[in-house]
């Protein structure tokens, strides 16, 4: 099945979380499949044994096949090819069966990560994750995220770790100050090295 292509990752990038939308997105497609199968089965048993009943079964079968392809197989393919990937460097979103759409948000540009779930979503263990970023598009809303509270916490930790890796600590400031002082003293003595 279609997995997330590791080739899009940079050299030192690690996948921390890889998600598809929650299985609740597949409830309606599965119900459509069951209804179509039951409907065709019922028609097969209930239609009288007449010459036109075979034609009616073929017509119902074709309609059922179209419904299954459109309302079951296509949503399943979209669900399966939708990827939400959180790495140590960015948030990666990819979706699409034949044509692909993608968006990446560097962790350093993430300003806020929040979640919301209704009572029903909470019972199912999913919800909506909202990622606010410093950029033109501003906000990304990801629906049907499994374990949304846990995912929100994990993404927040990744953002904080990325932020910490790009900020100077006291040791970094001291080392930089010493290097600047050395460079200034060399310049004052006329040393180029």
N, C-alpha and C. Protein backbone atom coordinates (compact mmCIF):
# COMPACT_ATOMS: atom_id res chain seq x y z
N UNK A 1 0.84 -1.18 0.00
CA UNK A 1 0.00 0.00 0.00
C UNK A 1 0.88 1.23 0.00
N UNK A 2 0.29 2.36 -0.28
CA UNK A 2 1.03 3.59 -0.42
C UNK A 2 1.50 4.06 0.96
N UNK A 3 2.81 4.12 1.12
CA UNK A 3 3.39 4.61 2.36
C UNK A 3 3.93 6.01 2.17
N UNK A 4 4.47 6.55 3.22
CA UNK A 4 5.07 7.88 3.13
C UNK A 4 6.46 7.75 2.55
N UNK A 5 6.79 8.51 1.51
CA UNK A 5 8.11 8.38 0.88
C UNK A 5 9.20 8.99 1.75
N UNK A 6 10.08 8.15 2.25
CA UNK A 6 11.19 8.60 3.08
C UNK A 6 12.15 9.49 2.29
N UNK A 7 12.08 9.43 0.97
CA UNK A 7 13.00 10.21 0.13
C UNK A 7 12.77 11.71 0.24
N UNK A 8 11.63 12.15 0.78
CA UNK A 8 11.39 13.59 0.91
C UNK A 8 12.04 14.17 2.16
N UNK A 9 12.62 13.31 3.00
CA UNK A 9 13.25 13.78 4.22
C UNK A 9 14.67 14.27 3.94
N UNK A 10 15.11 15.24 4.73
CA UNK A 10 16.48 15.72 4.61
C UNK A 10 17.42 14.74 5.31
N UNK A 11 18.71 15.00 5.20
CA UNK A 11 19.73 14.06 5.68
C UNK A 11 19.55 13.68 7.15
N UNK A 12 19.39 14.65 8.03
CA UNK A 12 19.30 14.38 9.47
C UNK A 12 17.87 14.39 9.99
N UNK A 13 16.91 14.39 9.10
CA UNK A 13 15.50 14.47 9.52
C UNK A 13 14.99 13.09 9.93
N UNK A 14 14.25 13.06 11.03
CA UNK A 14 13.67 11.82 11.54
C UNK A 14 12.15 11.96 11.63
N UNK A 15 11.44 10.91 11.24
CA UNK A 15 9.99 10.89 11.41
C UNK A 15 9.69 10.58 12.87
N UNK A 16 8.96 11.47 13.51
CA UNK A 16 8.57 11.28 14.91
C UNK A 16 7.16 10.71 15.01
N UNK A 17 6.25 11.21 14.15
CA UNK A 17 4.85 10.76 14.14
C UNK A 17 4.40 10.69 12.69
N UNK A 18 3.72 9.60 12.33
CA UNK A 18 3.16 9.44 10.99
C UNK A 18 1.71 8.99 11.16
N UNK A 19 0.77 9.79 10.64
CA UNK A 19 -0.65 9.52 10.83
C UNK A 19 -1.41 9.52 9.52
N UNK A 20 -2.52 8.80 9.54
CA UNK A 20 -3.58 8.94 8.55
C UNK A 20 -4.78 9.49 9.32
N UNK A 21 -5.79 10.01 8.64
CA UNK A 21 -6.99 10.42 9.37
C UNK A 21 -7.57 9.23 10.15
N UNK A 22 -8.33 9.56 11.19
CA UNK A 22 -8.95 8.55 12.06
C UNK A 22 -9.86 7.63 11.24
N UNK A 23 -10.02 6.41 11.72
CA UNK A 23 -10.85 5.43 11.01
C UNK A 23 -12.30 5.87 10.89
N UNK A 24 -12.75 6.83 11.70
CA UNK A 24 -14.15 7.26 11.61
C UNK A 24 -14.47 7.84 10.23
N UNK A 25 -13.44 8.30 9.53
CA UNK A 25 -13.64 8.81 8.17
C UNK A 25 -14.09 7.70 7.23
N UNK A 26 -13.89 6.45 7.63
CA UNK A 26 -14.26 5.32 6.78
C UNK A 26 -15.59 4.68 7.16
N UNK A 27 -16.28 5.20 8.17
CA UNK A 27 -17.55 4.60 8.61
C UNK A 27 -18.59 4.67 7.51
N UNK A 28 -18.81 5.84 6.94
CA UNK A 28 -19.83 5.97 5.89
C UNK A 28 -19.51 5.10 4.67
N UNK A 29 -18.26 5.10 4.17
CA UNK A 29 -17.96 4.22 3.04
C UNK A 29 -18.23 2.74 3.32
N UNK A 30 -17.93 2.29 4.53
CA UNK A 30 -18.18 0.89 4.88
C UNK A 30 -19.69 0.63 4.95
N UNK A 31 -20.45 1.58 5.50
CA UNK A 31 -21.91 1.43 5.54
C UNK A 31 -22.50 1.37 4.13
N UNK A 32 -21.97 2.18 3.22
CA UNK A 32 -22.44 2.14 1.83
C UNK A 32 -22.18 0.76 1.24
N UNK A 33 -21.00 0.21 1.48
CA UNK A 33 -20.66 -1.12 0.98
C UNK A 33 -21.63 -2.17 1.51
N UNK A 34 -21.92 -2.12 2.81
CA UNK A 34 -22.84 -3.09 3.42
C UNK A 34 -24.23 -2.94 2.83
N UNK A 35 -24.72 -1.71 2.71
CA UNK A 35 -26.06 -1.48 2.16
C UNK A 35 -26.15 -1.98 0.72
N UNK A 36 -25.14 -1.73 -0.09
CA UNK A 36 -25.16 -2.19 -1.49
C UNK A 36 -25.17 -3.71 -1.55
N UNK A 37 -24.34 -4.36 -0.74
CA UNK A 37 -24.30 -5.83 -0.75
C UNK A 37 -25.63 -6.41 -0.29
N UNK A 38 -26.18 -5.86 0.79
CA UNK A 38 -27.47 -6.34 1.30
C UNK A 38 -28.57 -6.08 0.28
N UNK A 39 -28.55 -4.90 -0.35
CA UNK A 39 -29.57 -4.57 -1.34
C UNK A 39 -29.54 -5.49 -2.55
N UNK A 40 -28.36 -5.78 -3.06
CA UNK A 40 -28.25 -6.68 -4.21
C UNK A 40 -28.63 -8.10 -3.81
N UNK A 41 -28.20 -8.51 -2.61
CA UNK A 41 -28.58 -9.84 -2.12
C UNK A 41 -30.08 -9.97 -1.95
N UNK A 42 -30.72 -8.94 -1.39
CA UNK A 42 -32.17 -8.97 -1.20
C UNK A 42 -32.89 -9.00 -2.55
N UNK A 43 -32.41 -8.22 -3.50
CA UNK A 43 -33.03 -8.22 -4.83
C UNK A 43 -32.91 -9.58 -5.49
N UNK A 44 -31.78 -10.23 -5.31
CA UNK A 44 -31.56 -11.54 -5.90
C UNK A 44 -32.55 -12.57 -5.34
N UNK A 45 -32.78 -12.50 -4.03
CA UNK A 45 -33.72 -13.44 -3.41
C UNK A 45 -35.18 -13.06 -3.63
N UNK A 46 -35.50 -11.77 -3.70
CA UNK A 46 -36.89 -11.32 -3.73
C UNK A 46 -37.46 -11.14 -5.12
N UNK A 47 -36.60 -10.95 -6.12
CA UNK A 47 -37.14 -10.78 -7.47
C UNK A 47 -37.76 -12.08 -7.95
N UNK A 48 -38.94 -11.98 -8.59
CA UNK A 48 -39.57 -13.20 -9.09
C UNK A 48 -38.74 -13.82 -10.22
N UNK A 49 -38.95 -15.07 -10.43
CA UNK A 49 -38.20 -15.79 -11.46
C UNK A 49 -38.84 -15.53 -12.82
N UNK A 50 -38.60 -14.35 -13.34
CA UNK A 50 -39.14 -13.93 -14.64
C UNK A 50 -37.97 -13.63 -15.58
N UNK A 51 -38.27 -13.48 -16.84
CA UNK A 51 -37.22 -13.23 -17.82
C UNK A 51 -36.55 -11.87 -17.60
N UNK A 52 -37.26 -10.90 -17.13
CA UNK A 52 -36.70 -9.57 -16.91
C UNK A 52 -35.90 -9.47 -15.61
N UNK A 53 -36.03 -10.44 -14.71
CA UNK A 53 -35.34 -10.35 -13.42
C UNK A 53 -33.82 -10.42 -13.56
N UNK A 54 -33.33 -11.18 -14.55
CA UNK A 54 -31.88 -11.22 -14.77
C UNK A 54 -31.35 -9.85 -15.23
N UNK A 55 -32.11 -9.20 -16.09
CA UNK A 55 -31.72 -7.86 -16.55
C UNK A 55 -31.76 -6.89 -15.37
N UNK A 56 -32.78 -6.99 -14.53
CA UNK A 56 -32.88 -6.12 -13.36
C UNK A 56 -31.70 -6.34 -12.42
N UNK A 57 -31.30 -7.60 -12.23
CA UNK A 57 -30.15 -7.89 -11.36
C UNK A 57 -28.86 -7.32 -11.95
N UNK A 58 -28.71 -7.41 -13.26
CA UNK A 58 -27.51 -6.85 -13.90
C UNK A 58 -27.49 -5.33 -13.73
N UNK A 59 -28.64 -4.68 -13.94
CA UNK A 59 -28.72 -3.22 -13.78
C UNK A 59 -28.42 -2.84 -12.33
N UNK A 60 -29.02 -3.56 -11.37
CA UNK A 60 -28.74 -3.29 -9.95
C UNK A 60 -27.27 -3.53 -9.62
N UNK A 61 -26.70 -4.57 -10.19
CA UNK A 61 -25.28 -4.86 -9.96
C UNK A 61 -24.38 -3.76 -10.48
N UNK A 62 -24.67 -3.23 -11.67
CA UNK A 62 -23.87 -2.14 -12.24
C UNK A 62 -24.02 -0.88 -11.38
N UNK A 63 -25.26 -0.57 -10.99
CA UNK A 63 -25.48 0.60 -10.12
C UNK A 63 -24.75 0.40 -8.79
N UNK A 64 -24.84 -0.80 -8.24
CA UNK A 64 -24.15 -1.10 -6.98
C UNK A 64 -22.64 -0.96 -7.12
N UNK A 65 -22.09 -1.44 -8.23
CA UNK A 65 -20.64 -1.33 -8.47
C UNK A 65 -20.21 0.13 -8.57
N UNK A 66 -21.00 0.93 -9.28
CA UNK A 66 -20.69 2.36 -9.39
C UNK A 66 -20.73 3.02 -8.01
N UNK A 67 -21.76 2.71 -7.22
CA UNK A 67 -21.86 3.27 -5.87
C UNK A 67 -20.68 2.85 -5.00
N UNK A 68 -20.30 1.58 -5.07
CA UNK A 68 -19.18 1.10 -4.26
C UNK A 68 -17.88 1.79 -4.68
N UNK A 69 -17.66 1.91 -5.99
CA UNK A 69 -16.43 2.59 -6.45
C UNK A 69 -16.41 4.05 -6.01
N UNK A 70 -17.53 4.74 -6.16
CA UNK A 70 -17.60 6.16 -5.89
C UNK A 70 -17.65 6.47 -4.40
N UNK A 71 -18.42 5.69 -3.64
CA UNK A 71 -18.65 6.02 -2.23
C UNK A 71 -17.89 5.15 -1.24
N UNK A 72 -17.16 4.14 -1.74
CA UNK A 72 -16.38 3.29 -0.83
C UNK A 72 -14.91 3.24 -1.24
N UNK A 73 -14.63 2.80 -2.44
CA UNK A 73 -13.23 2.63 -2.86
C UNK A 73 -12.51 3.97 -2.96
N UNK A 74 -13.14 4.97 -3.59
CA UNK A 74 -12.50 6.27 -3.73
C UNK A 74 -12.20 6.92 -2.37
N UNK A 75 -13.16 6.98 -1.42
CA UNK A 75 -12.83 7.54 -0.10
C UNK A 75 -11.73 6.75 0.62
N UNK A 76 -11.72 5.43 0.45
CA UNK A 76 -10.67 4.63 1.08
C UNK A 76 -9.30 4.98 0.50
N UNK A 77 -9.24 5.14 -0.84
CA UNK A 77 -7.96 5.50 -1.47
C UNK A 77 -7.50 6.88 -1.00
N UNK A 78 -8.43 7.84 -0.88
CA UNK A 78 -8.07 9.17 -0.39
C UNK A 78 -7.59 9.09 1.06
N UNK A 79 -8.27 8.31 1.89
CA UNK A 79 -7.88 8.14 3.29
C UNK A 79 -6.49 7.53 3.38
N UNK A 80 -6.25 6.53 2.57
CA UNK A 80 -4.97 5.80 2.63
C UNK A 80 -3.80 6.63 2.12
N UNK A 81 -4.07 7.57 1.22
CA UNK A 81 -2.98 8.37 0.65
C UNK A 81 -2.87 9.75 1.31
N UNK A 82 -3.58 9.95 2.41
CA UNK A 82 -3.44 11.19 3.19
C UNK A 82 -2.47 10.92 4.33
N UNK A 83 -1.40 11.70 4.37
CA UNK A 83 -0.35 11.52 5.38
C UNK A 83 -0.13 12.81 6.14
N UNK A 84 -0.10 12.69 7.46
CA UNK A 84 0.32 13.78 8.34
C UNK A 84 1.57 13.28 9.03
N UNK A 85 2.70 13.91 8.73
CA UNK A 85 3.98 13.45 9.25
C UNK A 85 4.63 14.59 10.03
N UNK A 86 5.02 14.29 11.26
CA UNK A 86 5.74 15.26 12.09
C UNK A 86 7.16 14.74 12.24
N UNK A 87 8.11 15.55 11.83
CA UNK A 87 9.52 15.17 11.95
C UNK A 87 10.19 16.09 12.96
N UNK A 88 11.46 15.88 13.17
CA UNK A 88 12.21 16.75 14.07
C UNK A 88 12.50 18.11 13.43
N UNK A 89 12.09 18.32 12.16
CA UNK A 89 12.33 19.59 11.48
C UNK A 89 11.08 20.29 10.98
N UNK A 90 10.01 19.53 10.68
CA UNK A 90 8.84 20.15 10.05
C UNK A 90 7.60 19.29 10.19
N UNK A 91 6.47 19.90 9.83
CA UNK A 91 5.19 19.21 9.71
C UNK A 91 4.97 19.02 8.21
N UNK A 92 4.73 17.78 7.80
CA UNK A 92 4.56 17.46 6.38
C UNK A 92 3.15 16.94 6.18
N UNK A 93 2.43 17.52 5.22
CA UNK A 93 1.09 17.07 4.89
C UNK A 93 1.05 16.72 3.41
N UNK A 94 0.61 15.52 3.10
CA UNK A 94 0.49 15.07 1.72
C UNK A 94 -0.86 14.38 1.56
N UNK A 95 -1.53 14.69 0.45
CA UNK A 95 -2.79 14.00 0.16
C UNK A 95 -3.03 13.98 -1.33
N UNK A 96 -3.80 13.00 -1.75
CA UNK A 96 -4.15 12.88 -3.15
C UNK A 96 -3.87 11.50 -3.69
N UNK A 97 -4.74 11.05 -4.59
CA UNK A 97 -4.60 9.73 -5.17
C UNK A 97 -3.81 9.82 -6.47
N UNK A 98 -4.33 10.54 -7.44
CA UNK A 98 -3.67 10.67 -8.73
C UNK A 98 -2.84 11.94 -8.80
N UNK A 99 -3.41 13.04 -8.37
CA UNK A 99 -2.63 14.27 -8.23
C UNK A 99 -2.38 14.45 -6.73
N UNK A 100 -1.25 15.04 -6.41
CA UNK A 100 -0.87 15.17 -4.99
C UNK A 100 -0.84 16.64 -4.59
N UNK A 101 -1.27 16.90 -3.38
CA UNK A 101 -1.14 18.21 -2.77
C UNK A 101 -0.26 18.05 -1.55
N UNK A 102 0.59 19.01 -1.31
CA UNK A 102 1.47 18.93 -0.16
C UNK A 102 1.72 20.28 0.44
N UNK A 103 2.01 20.25 1.72
CA UNK A 103 2.38 21.47 2.43
C UNK A 103 3.34 21.08 3.54
N UNK A 104 4.36 21.88 3.71
CA UNK A 104 5.33 21.68 4.78
C UNK A 104 5.38 22.94 5.62
N UNK A 105 5.46 22.77 6.92
CA UNK A 105 5.63 23.90 7.83
C UNK A 105 6.87 23.61 8.68
N UNK A 106 7.91 24.41 8.55
CA UNK A 106 9.07 24.22 9.42
C UNK A 106 8.66 24.42 10.88
N UNK A 107 9.19 23.61 11.78
CA UNK A 107 8.81 23.71 13.19
C UNK A 107 9.11 25.09 13.76
N UNK A 108 10.14 25.73 13.25
CA UNK A 108 10.49 27.07 13.72
C UNK A 108 9.45 28.12 13.39
N UNK A 109 8.55 27.83 12.46
CA UNK A 109 7.50 28.78 12.08
C UNK A 109 6.18 28.51 12.77
N UNK A 110 6.11 27.43 13.54
CA UNK A 110 4.87 27.09 14.24
C UNK A 110 4.74 27.98 15.47
N UNK A 111 3.64 28.74 15.54
CA UNK A 111 3.40 29.64 16.67
C UNK A 111 2.52 29.00 17.74
N UNK A 112 1.55 28.20 17.31
CA UNK A 112 0.59 27.65 18.26
C UNK A 112 0.06 26.33 17.72
N UNK A 113 -0.19 25.41 18.64
CA UNK A 113 -0.79 24.12 18.30
C UNK A 113 -1.95 23.91 19.26
N UNK A 114 -3.15 23.78 18.72
CA UNK A 114 -4.32 23.58 19.58
C UNK A 114 -5.17 22.45 19.02
N UNK A 115 -6.09 21.96 19.85
CA UNK A 115 -6.98 20.89 19.40
C UNK A 115 -8.40 21.17 19.87
N UNK A 116 -9.33 20.50 19.22
CA UNK A 116 -10.74 20.56 19.61
C UNK A 116 -11.35 19.21 19.26
N UNK A 117 -12.17 18.70 20.15
CA UNK A 117 -12.96 17.54 19.80
C UNK A 117 -14.33 17.63 20.46
N UNK A 118 -15.33 17.20 19.71
CA UNK A 118 -16.68 17.17 20.24
C UNK A 118 -16.81 15.99 21.19
N UNK A 119 -17.94 15.90 21.86
CA UNK A 119 -18.17 14.78 22.76
C UNK A 119 -18.07 13.45 22.01
N UNK A 120 -18.68 13.39 20.83
CA UNK A 120 -18.65 12.17 20.03
C UNK A 120 -17.22 11.84 19.59
N UNK A 121 -16.48 12.85 19.14
CA UNK A 121 -15.09 12.62 18.73
C UNK A 121 -14.24 12.18 19.92
N UNK A 122 -14.54 12.73 21.08
CA UNK A 122 -13.78 12.34 22.28
C UNK A 122 -14.02 10.87 22.60
N UNK A 123 -15.26 10.41 22.43
CA UNK A 123 -15.55 8.98 22.66
C UNK A 123 -14.80 8.11 21.66
N UNK A 124 -14.65 8.59 20.43
CA UNK A 124 -13.95 7.82 19.40
C UNK A 124 -12.43 7.98 19.47
N UNK A 125 -11.96 8.97 20.20
CA UNK A 125 -10.52 9.18 20.33
C UNK A 125 -9.91 9.94 19.17
N UNK A 126 -10.62 10.96 18.68
CA UNK A 126 -10.09 11.76 17.58
C UNK A 126 -10.51 13.21 17.76
N UNK A 127 -10.08 14.07 16.86
CA UNK A 127 -10.46 15.48 16.93
C UNK A 127 -9.78 16.28 15.85
N UNK A 128 -9.84 17.59 16.02
CA UNK A 128 -9.29 18.53 15.05
C UNK A 128 -8.05 19.18 15.64
N UNK A 129 -6.97 19.18 14.88
CA UNK A 129 -5.71 19.80 15.28
C UNK A 129 -5.52 21.07 14.46
N UNK A 130 -5.27 22.17 15.14
CA UNK A 130 -5.04 23.44 14.45
C UNK A 130 -3.61 23.88 14.69
N UNK A 131 -2.90 24.12 13.59
CA UNK A 131 -1.50 24.55 13.65
C UNK A 131 -1.43 25.96 13.09
N UNK A 132 -1.02 26.91 13.93
CA UNK A 132 -0.86 28.29 13.49
C UNK A 132 0.61 28.52 13.19
N UNK A 133 0.86 29.07 12.01
CA UNK A 133 2.26 29.29 11.62
C UNK A 133 2.47 30.74 11.20
N UNK A 134 3.71 31.16 11.30
CA UNK A 134 4.09 32.49 10.85
C UNK A 134 4.37 32.39 9.36
N UNK A 135 3.41 32.76 8.58
CA UNK A 135 3.56 32.67 7.14
C UNK A 135 2.34 33.22 6.44
N UNK A 136 2.34 33.14 5.13
CA UNK A 136 1.24 33.68 4.34
C UNK A 136 -0.07 32.96 4.61
N UNK A 137 -0.02 31.66 4.75
CA UNK A 137 -1.25 30.89 4.91
C UNK A 137 -1.76 30.86 6.34
N UNK A 138 -0.91 31.10 7.29
CA UNK A 138 -1.32 31.26 8.68
C UNK A 138 -1.74 30.03 9.43
N UNK A 139 -2.85 29.45 9.10
CA UNK A 139 -3.44 28.40 9.91
C UNK A 139 -3.75 27.15 9.08
N UNK A 140 -3.42 25.99 9.64
CA UNK A 140 -3.75 24.72 9.02
C UNK A 140 -4.66 23.97 9.98
N UNK A 141 -5.78 23.48 9.47
CA UNK A 141 -6.72 22.72 10.28
C UNK A 141 -6.74 21.28 9.76
N UNK A 142 -6.34 20.35 10.62
CA UNK A 142 -6.32 18.93 10.26
C UNK A 142 -7.46 18.25 11.01
N UNK A 143 -8.41 17.68 10.28
CA UNK A 143 -9.56 17.05 10.91
C UNK A 143 -9.35 15.54 11.04
N UNK A 144 -10.12 14.95 11.92
CA UNK A 144 -10.10 13.50 12.15
C UNK A 144 -8.72 12.98 12.52
N UNK A 145 -8.04 13.68 13.40
CA UNK A 145 -6.71 13.25 13.86
C UNK A 145 -6.89 12.27 15.02
N UNK A 146 -6.35 11.05 14.91
CA UNK A 146 -6.46 10.10 16.01
C UNK A 146 -5.65 10.57 17.22
N UNK A 147 -6.17 10.31 18.42
CA UNK A 147 -5.48 10.66 19.68
C UNK A 147 -5.01 12.11 19.65
N UNK A 148 -5.92 13.02 19.33
CA UNK A 148 -5.56 14.42 19.04
C UNK A 148 -4.86 15.10 20.22
N UNK A 149 -5.27 14.80 21.46
CA UNK A 149 -4.60 15.44 22.61
C UNK A 149 -3.14 15.01 22.70
N UNK A 150 -2.91 13.73 22.53
CA UNK A 150 -1.53 13.21 22.58
C UNK A 150 -0.70 13.79 21.43
N UNK A 151 -1.28 13.84 20.24
CA UNK A 151 -0.58 14.37 19.07
C UNK A 151 -0.26 15.85 19.26
N UNK A 152 -1.20 16.61 19.83
CA UNK A 152 -0.97 18.02 20.10
C UNK A 152 0.22 18.19 21.04
N UNK A 153 0.28 17.37 22.08
CA UNK A 153 1.40 17.44 23.04
C UNK A 153 2.72 17.07 22.36
N UNK A 154 2.71 16.02 21.55
CA UNK A 154 3.93 15.60 20.87
C UNK A 154 4.43 16.68 19.90
N UNK A 155 3.50 17.28 19.17
CA UNK A 155 3.90 18.34 18.24
C UNK A 155 4.44 19.55 19.02
N UNK A 156 3.80 19.89 20.12
CA UNK A 156 4.29 20.99 20.95
C UNK A 156 5.71 20.71 21.43
N UNK A 157 5.97 19.48 21.87
CA UNK A 157 7.32 19.11 22.31
C UNK A 157 8.33 19.23 21.17
N UNK A 158 7.94 18.81 19.97
CA UNK A 158 8.83 18.95 18.81
C UNK A 158 9.13 20.41 18.51
N UNK A 159 8.10 21.26 18.60
CA UNK A 159 8.29 22.69 18.35
C UNK A 159 9.23 23.29 19.39
N UNK A 160 9.03 22.93 20.66
CA UNK A 160 9.89 23.44 21.73
C UNK A 160 11.33 22.95 21.56
N UNK A 161 11.50 21.68 21.21
CA UNK A 161 12.85 21.14 21.00
C UNK A 161 13.54 21.86 19.84
N UNK A 162 12.79 22.13 18.78
CA UNK A 162 13.36 22.86 17.64
C UNK A 162 13.73 24.28 18.06
N UNK A 163 12.86 24.91 18.81
CA UNK A 163 13.14 26.27 19.29
C UNK A 163 14.39 26.29 20.16
N UNK A 164 14.49 25.32 21.07
CA UNK A 164 15.66 25.25 21.96
C UNK A 164 16.95 25.00 21.18
N UNK A 165 16.86 24.26 20.09
CA UNK A 165 18.08 23.97 19.32
C UNK A 165 18.58 25.18 18.54
N UNK A 166 17.72 26.20 18.39
CA UNK A 166 18.10 27.40 17.64
C UNK A 166 18.34 28.61 18.53
N UNK A 167 18.29 28.45 19.83
CA UNK A 167 18.52 29.59 20.72
C UNK A 167 19.86 29.45 21.42
N UNK A 168 20.45 30.58 21.72
CA UNK A 168 21.73 30.59 22.44
C UNK A 168 21.49 30.38 23.92
N UNK A 169 22.28 29.51 24.49
CA UNK A 169 22.29 29.36 25.94
C UNK A 169 23.41 30.22 26.50
N UNK A 170 23.57 30.20 27.82
CA UNK A 170 24.63 30.99 28.47
C UNK A 170 26.01 30.58 27.98
N UNK A 171 26.24 29.26 27.82
CA UNK A 171 27.54 28.79 27.34
C UNK A 171 27.83 29.30 25.93
N UNK A 172 26.78 29.30 25.09
CA UNK A 172 26.95 29.79 23.72
C UNK A 172 27.29 31.28 23.71
N UNK A 173 26.63 32.05 24.56
CA UNK A 173 26.89 33.49 24.63
C UNK A 173 28.33 33.76 25.09
N UNK A 174 28.77 33.00 26.10
CA UNK A 174 30.14 33.18 26.60
C UNK A 174 31.16 32.84 25.52
N UNK A 175 30.96 31.74 24.81
CA UNK A 175 31.89 31.35 23.76
C UNK A 175 31.92 32.40 22.65
N UNK A 176 30.75 32.92 22.29
CA UNK A 176 30.68 33.95 21.25
C UNK A 176 31.37 35.23 21.72
N UNK A 177 31.16 35.61 22.97
CA UNK A 177 31.79 36.82 23.51
C UNK A 177 33.32 36.67 23.51
N UNK A 178 33.82 35.49 23.89
CA UNK A 178 35.27 35.25 23.89
C UNK A 178 35.82 35.34 22.48
N UNK A 179 35.11 34.76 21.52
CA UNK A 179 35.56 34.79 20.12
C UNK A 179 35.58 36.21 19.59
N UNK A 180 34.58 37.01 19.92
CA UNK A 180 34.55 38.41 19.48
C UNK A 180 35.70 39.18 20.11
N UNK A 181 35.95 38.94 21.39
CA UNK A 181 37.05 39.62 22.08
C UNK A 181 38.38 39.26 21.45
N UNK A 182 38.59 37.97 21.15
CA UNK A 182 39.82 37.53 20.49
C UNK A 182 39.98 38.18 19.12
N UNK A 183 38.89 38.24 18.37
CA UNK A 183 38.95 38.84 17.04
C UNK A 183 39.28 40.32 17.13
N UNK A 184 38.70 41.00 18.11
CA UNK A 184 38.98 42.43 18.29
C UNK A 184 40.43 42.66 18.71
N UNK A 185 40.95 41.80 19.59
CA UNK A 185 42.34 41.97 20.02
C UNK A 185 43.31 41.68 18.88
N UNK A 186 43.00 40.70 18.02
CA UNK A 186 43.84 40.43 16.86
C UNK A 186 43.82 41.61 15.90
N UNK A 187 42.63 42.18 15.72
CA UNK A 187 42.48 43.32 14.83
C UNK A 187 43.27 44.52 15.38
N UNK A 188 43.23 44.69 16.70
CA UNK A 188 43.97 45.79 17.34
C UNK A 188 45.47 45.62 17.19
N UNK A 189 45.96 44.37 17.15
CA UNK A 189 47.39 44.10 16.99
C UNK A 189 47.79 44.07 15.53
N UNK A 190 46.78 44.02 14.64
CA UNK A 190 47.09 43.97 13.22
C UNK A 190 47.22 42.56 12.68
N UNK A 191 46.85 41.55 13.48
CA UNK A 191 46.90 40.15 13.02
C UNK A 191 45.73 39.89 12.09
N UNK A 192 45.97 39.14 11.03
CA UNK A 192 44.89 38.75 10.13
C UNK A 192 44.36 37.37 10.46
N UNK A 193 45.11 36.59 11.20
CA UNK A 193 44.71 35.22 11.47
C UNK A 193 43.98 35.08 12.76
